[in-house]
């Protein structure tokens, strides 16, 4: 948009009215996305939906890559720079639970609405929004639904894209429904890892002084926390959360 921010803000009331014309489209896409189960590593149906919407908006190079990301390109007027707009496809909810969405006058409820169906739905209407407001970006805008983001996916989709894309990325914006309407301009690095503690099959639970896997894992967590305290003069690293699971293998039955 060549007129700059001042010219843009002078017509906010008119712009709001034009934006509201897309409200029903946004809500319809939100419901359809939310009702597609997409646990991490199983995002294919949502990828297909996003690609359909990108194609309807006449984005270029609509495709999926080896990591399972959904991609589309909105060319800029200059096209010498690239902005990545990304929203993760996967959710924390199993495909086994009910994904029905309830739409009321003042709220929408359903599995994964805020995390992250709202972000994805916003991306599906963004090309239409820019067109309706007659906003033409100088830079290319790469729209991406990223796969394998949560849990053991370890942000695999966006890692793959950034390592293999032919487009040099000038800037990136992450669209996440939980914080939609707010801009976070800083972030922290993240390292995910898994610790497995195995007891021998012939472990003797009758021996006093022996302990199981969970207490030992608790001790490991305590030691990691102590390392963080030693490293940090001021808190710059933190231990986010951990899940502990204990599995047992039935001992073979003995005949007497």
Protein backbone atom coordinates (compact mmCIF):
# COMPACT_ATOMS: atom_id res chain seq x y z
CA UNK A 1 0.00 0.00 0.00
CA UNK A 2 1.75 3.13 -1.19
CA UNK A 3 -0.20 5.72 0.81
CA UNK A 4 1.35 4.55 4.09
CA UNK A 5 -0.04 4.07 7.58
CA UNK A 6 -1.60 7.54 8.02
CA UNK A 7 -3.81 7.11 4.95
CA UNK A 8 -4.73 3.63 6.13
CA UNK A 9 -5.81 4.71 9.63
CA UNK A 10 -7.93 7.61 8.39
CA UNK A 11 -10.48 5.18 6.94
CA UNK A 12 -10.72 2.63 9.74
CA UNK A 13 -14.52 2.75 9.97
CA UNK A 14 -14.92 2.08 6.26
CA UNK A 15 -12.27 -0.65 6.37
CA UNK A 16 -14.00 -2.36 9.29
CA UNK A 17 -17.25 -2.46 7.35
CA UNK A 18 -15.53 -4.07 4.36
CA UNK A 19 -13.73 -6.57 6.58
CA UNK A 20 -17.01 -7.64 8.20
CA UNK A 21 -18.17 -8.87 4.80
CA UNK A 22 -15.75 -11.78 5.25
CA UNK A 23 -17.05 -12.71 8.69
CA UNK A 24 -19.23 -15.59 7.57
CA UNK A 25 -16.47 -17.00 5.37
CA UNK A 26 -14.04 -16.90 8.27
CA UNK A 27 -16.51 -18.60 10.63
CA UNK A 28 -17.39 -21.27 8.08
CA UNK A 29 -13.71 -22.09 7.50
CA UNK A 30 -13.09 -22.10 11.24
CA UNK A 31 -15.82 -24.68 11.82
CA UNK A 32 -14.68 -26.89 8.93
CA UNK A 33 -11.04 -26.82 10.03
CA UNK A 34 -11.92 -27.52 13.66
CA UNK A 35 -13.96 -30.56 12.71
CA UNK A 36 -11.01 -32.15 10.89
CA UNK A 37 -8.98 -34.17 13.43
CA UNK A 38 -5.27 -33.43 13.09
CA UNK A 39 -3.14 -34.97 15.84
CA UNK A 40 0.57 -34.53 15.26
CA UNK A 41 1.83 -36.68 12.33
CA UNK A 42 -1.75 -37.03 11.00
CA UNK A 43 -2.46 -33.65 9.42
CA UNK A 44 -3.11 -34.76 5.81
CA UNK A 45 -6.83 -33.90 5.75
CA UNK A 46 -6.17 -30.39 7.03
CA UNK A 47 -3.37 -30.00 4.48
CA UNK A 48 -5.84 -30.87 1.69
CA UNK A 49 -8.35 -28.33 3.06
CA UNK A 50 -5.77 -25.55 3.25
CA UNK A 51 -4.52 -26.26 -0.27
CA UNK A 52 -8.09 -26.07 -1.59
CA UNK A 53 -8.52 -22.66 0.03
CA UNK A 54 -5.16 -21.43 -1.26
CA UNK A 55 -6.15 -22.53 -4.77
CA UNK A 56 -9.53 -20.76 -4.49
CA UNK A 57 -7.63 -17.57 -3.62
CA UNK A 58 -5.45 -17.98 -6.73
CA UNK A 59 -2.23 -18.34 -4.78
CA UNK A 60 0.74 -19.54 -6.78
CA UNK A 61 2.77 -22.72 -6.21
CA UNK A 62 0.14 -24.27 -3.96
CA UNK A 63 1.71 -27.54 -2.89
CA UNK A 64 2.82 -29.75 -0.06
CA UNK A 65 6.43 -30.68 0.66
CA UNK A 66 8.14 -33.79 2.01
CA UNK A 67 7.40 -32.75 5.59
CA UNK A 68 3.65 -32.48 4.90
CA UNK A 69 3.35 -28.70 5.02
CA UNK A 70 0.65 -26.83 3.07
CA UNK A 71 2.14 -23.97 1.04
CA UNK A 72 0.93 -21.13 -1.15
CA UNK A 73 2.56 -17.98 -2.53
CA UNK A 74 0.95 -14.54 -2.86
CA UNK A 75 3.31 -12.63 -5.18
CA UNK A 76 4.33 -9.10 -4.23
CA UNK A 77 4.57 -6.13 -6.58
CA UNK A 78 8.37 -6.14 -6.30
CA UNK A 79 8.89 -9.75 -5.26
CA UNK A 80 12.49 -9.26 -4.14
CA UNK A 81 11.77 -10.19 -0.53
CA UNK A 82 9.76 -12.97 1.11
CA UNK A 83 7.64 -12.87 4.26
CA UNK A 84 6.65 -16.20 5.80
CA UNK A 85 3.22 -16.39 7.42
CA UNK A 86 2.89 -19.70 9.27
CA UNK A 87 0.24 -21.40 11.37
CA UNK A 88 0.54 -24.93 12.71
CA UNK A 89 -1.85 -27.59 11.46
CA UNK A 90 -1.68 -30.14 14.27
CA UNK A 91 -3.60 -30.18 17.54
CA UNK A 92 -3.25 -31.79 20.94
CA UNK A 93 -6.48 -33.74 20.48
CA UNK A 94 -6.77 -37.36 19.40
CA UNK A 95 -8.88 -38.26 16.38
CA UNK A 96 -10.87 -40.50 18.74
CA UNK A 97 -12.59 -37.61 20.53
CA UNK A 98 -15.63 -35.71 19.29
CA UNK A 99 -14.59 -32.80 17.06
CA UNK A 100 -18.07 -31.33 16.64
CA UNK A 101 -18.19 -27.53 16.90
CA UNK A 102 -20.88 -25.54 18.69
CA UNK A 103 -21.59 -22.07 17.29
CA UNK A 104 -23.42 -19.63 19.55
CA UNK A 105 -24.14 -15.92 19.25
CA UNK A 106 -21.09 -14.87 21.24
CA UNK A 107 -18.74 -17.83 21.18
CA UNK A 108 -17.60 -20.96 19.37
CA UNK A 109 -16.53 -24.07 21.26
CA UNK A 110 -14.83 -27.22 20.10
CA UNK A 111 -11.61 -29.19 20.25
CA UNK A 112 -8.63 -27.13 19.16
CA UNK A 113 -10.58 -23.98 18.25
CA UNK A 114 -8.02 -21.63 19.76
CA UNK A 115 -5.02 -23.86 19.18
CA UNK A 116 -4.91 -23.56 16.27
CA UNK A 117 -8.00 -23.61 14.03
CA UNK A 118 -8.46 -19.84 14.41
CA UNK A 119 -4.95 -19.21 13.12
CA UNK A 120 -5.49 -21.47 10.11
CA UNK A 121 -8.91 -19.98 9.33
CA UNK A 122 -7.40 -16.50 9.45
CA UNK A 123 -4.84 -17.49 6.84
CA UNK A 124 -7.53 -18.87 4.52
CA UNK A 125 -9.26 -15.48 4.32
CA UNK A 126 -6.16 -13.27 4.34
CA UNK A 127 -5.75 -13.16 0.53
CA UNK A 128 -9.42 -12.17 0.18
CA UNK A 129 -9.00 -9.57 2.92
CA UNK A 130 -6.02 -7.95 1.21
CA UNK A 131 -7.89 -7.87 -2.08
CA UNK A 132 -11.02 -6.39 -0.51
CA UNK A 133 -8.96 -3.64 1.16
CA UNK A 134 -6.96 -3.06 -2.06
CA UNK A 135 -3.70 -3.72 -0.25
CA UNK A 136 -0.83 -4.82 -2.48
CA UNK A 137 2.30 -6.00 -0.71
CA UNK A 138 5.69 -5.25 -2.21
CA UNK A 139 7.15 -8.48 -0.79
CA UNK A 140 6.04 -12.00 -1.62
CA UNK A 141 3.86 -13.53 1.07
CA UNK A 142 4.36 -17.25 1.67
CA UNK A 143 1.39 -18.81 3.47
CA UNK A 144 2.21 -22.02 5.27
CA UNK A 145 0.27 -24.52 7.34
CA UNK A 146 3.08 -26.28 9.19
CA UNK A 147 2.93 -29.98 10.06
CA UNK A 148 4.52 -31.87 12.93
CA UNK A 149 4.74 -28.84 15.21
CA UNK A 150 3.62 -30.07 18.63
CA UNK A 151 5.09 -32.59 21.05
CA UNK A 152 7.31 -35.18 19.41
CA UNK A 153 6.81 -33.42 16.10
CA UNK A 154 9.36 -30.93 17.50
CA UNK A 155 8.44 -28.19 15.00
CA UNK A 156 9.53 -30.59 12.27
CA UNK A 157 7.51 -29.02 9.45
CA UNK A 158 8.88 -25.52 9.72
CA UNK A 159 12.39 -26.83 10.41
CA UNK A 160 12.26 -28.77 7.14
CA UNK A 161 10.90 -25.81 5.20
CA UNK A 162 13.50 -23.33 6.44
CA UNK A 163 16.30 -25.82 5.76
CA UNK A 164 15.16 -26.59 2.20
CA UNK A 165 13.25 -23.62 0.79
CA UNK A 166 14.57 -21.85 -2.28
CA UNK A 167 13.03 -18.60 -1.02
CA UNK A 168 15.25 -16.53 1.31
CA UNK A 169 12.98 -15.46 4.19
CA UNK A 170 13.25 -11.80 5.17
CA UNK A 171 10.73 -11.93 8.03
CA UNK A 172 8.33 -14.37 9.63
CA UNK A 173 4.99 -14.10 11.42
CA UNK A 174 3.46 -16.96 13.40
CA UNK A 175 -0.34 -16.85 13.50
CA UNK A 176 -1.61 -18.62 16.60
CA UNK A 177 -5.23 -18.46 17.67
CA UNK A 178 -4.50 -18.42 21.39
CA UNK A 179 -2.88 -15.00 21.08
CA UNK A 180 -4.72 -13.72 18.02
CA UNK A 181 -4.94 -9.94 18.25
CA UNK A 182 -1.61 -9.59 20.06
CA UNK A 183 1.87 -9.27 18.59
CA UNK A 184 4.77 -11.05 20.28
CA UNK A 185 8.02 -9.59 19.00
CA UNK A 186 10.43 -11.89 20.82
CA UNK A 187 10.72 -15.59 21.47
CA UNK A 188 12.86 -18.20 23.19
CA UNK A 189 14.72 -21.16 21.76
CA UNK A 190 13.48 -24.63 22.56
CA UNK A 191 15.01 -28.06 22.93
CA UNK A 192 12.83 -31.16 23.25
CA UNK A 193 14.12 -34.47 24.48
CA UNK A 194 12.88 -37.77 25.81
CA UNK A 195 14.34 -39.76 28.69
CA UNK A 196 13.65 -43.48 28.97
CA UNK A 197 14.48 -45.30 32.17
CA UNK A 198 14.13 -49.07 31.94
CA UNK A 199 14.15 -51.58 34.77
CA UNK A 200 15.36 -55.12 34.17
CA UNK A 201 12.68 -57.72 33.51
CA UNK A 202 13.71 -59.67 36.59
CA UNK A 203 13.53 -56.63 38.87
CA UNK A 204 12.99 -57.80 42.45
CA UNK A 205 10.38 -55.60 44.11
CA UNK A 206 10.88 -57.43 47.42
CA UNK A 207 14.37 -56.02 47.90
CA UNK A 208 14.21 -53.17 50.40
CA UNK A 209 15.87 -49.96 49.29
CA UNK A 210 15.11 -50.43 45.61
CA UNK A 211 13.07 -47.82 43.76
CA UNK A 212 11.06 -47.72 40.53
CA UNK A 213 11.37 -45.59 37.41
CA UNK A 214 9.25 -42.61 38.47
CA UNK A 215 11.34 -41.60 41.54
CA UNK A 216 14.48 -41.87 39.45
CA UNK A 217 13.01 -39.69 36.72
CA UNK A 218 11.98 -37.17 39.38
CA UNK A 219 15.59 -37.04 40.53
CA UNK A 220 16.73 -36.41 36.95
CA UNK A 221 14.29 -33.51 36.64
CA UNK A 222 15.59 -32.06 39.92
CA UNK A 223 19.19 -32.29 38.67
CA UNK A 224 18.30 -30.56 35.38
CA UNK A 225 16.59 -27.80 37.33
CA UNK A 226 19.72 -27.34 39.46
CA UNK A 227 21.81 -27.01 36.28
CA UNK A 228 19.48 -24.27 35.05
CA UNK A 229 19.84 -22.41 38.34
CA UNK A 230 23.65 -22.61 38.08
CA UNK A 231 23.71 -21.42 34.46
CA UNK A 232 21.30 -18.54 34.88
CA UNK A 233 22.45 -15.38 36.61
CA UNK A 234 19.05 -14.11 35.54
CA UNK A 235 16.39 -16.56 34.36
CA UNK A 236 17.01 -17.08 30.66
CA UNK A 237 16.44 -20.83 30.49
CA UNK A 238 13.50 -22.62 31.95
CA UNK A 239 12.14 -26.13 32.30
CA UNK A 240 8.70 -25.95 30.72
CA UNK A 241 6.93 -29.16 31.68
CA UNK A 242 7.30 -32.89 31.56
CA UNK A 243 5.10 -35.90 31.33
CA UNK A 244 5.95 -39.12 33.11
CA UNK A 245 4.53 -42.47 32.14
CA UNK A 246 5.17 -45.83 33.71
CA UNK A 247 4.68 -49.03 31.77
CA UNK A 248 5.02 -52.52 33.06
CA UNK A 249 5.53 -55.79 31.23
CA UNK A 250 3.69 -58.70 32.84
CA UNK A 251 6.08 -61.26 34.23
CA UNK A 252 5.83 -64.72 32.65
CA UNK A 253 3.63 -67.05 34.64
CA UNK A 254 5.42 -69.75 36.52
CA UNK A 255 4.06 -73.21 37.13
CA UNK A 256 4.45 -74.76 40.54
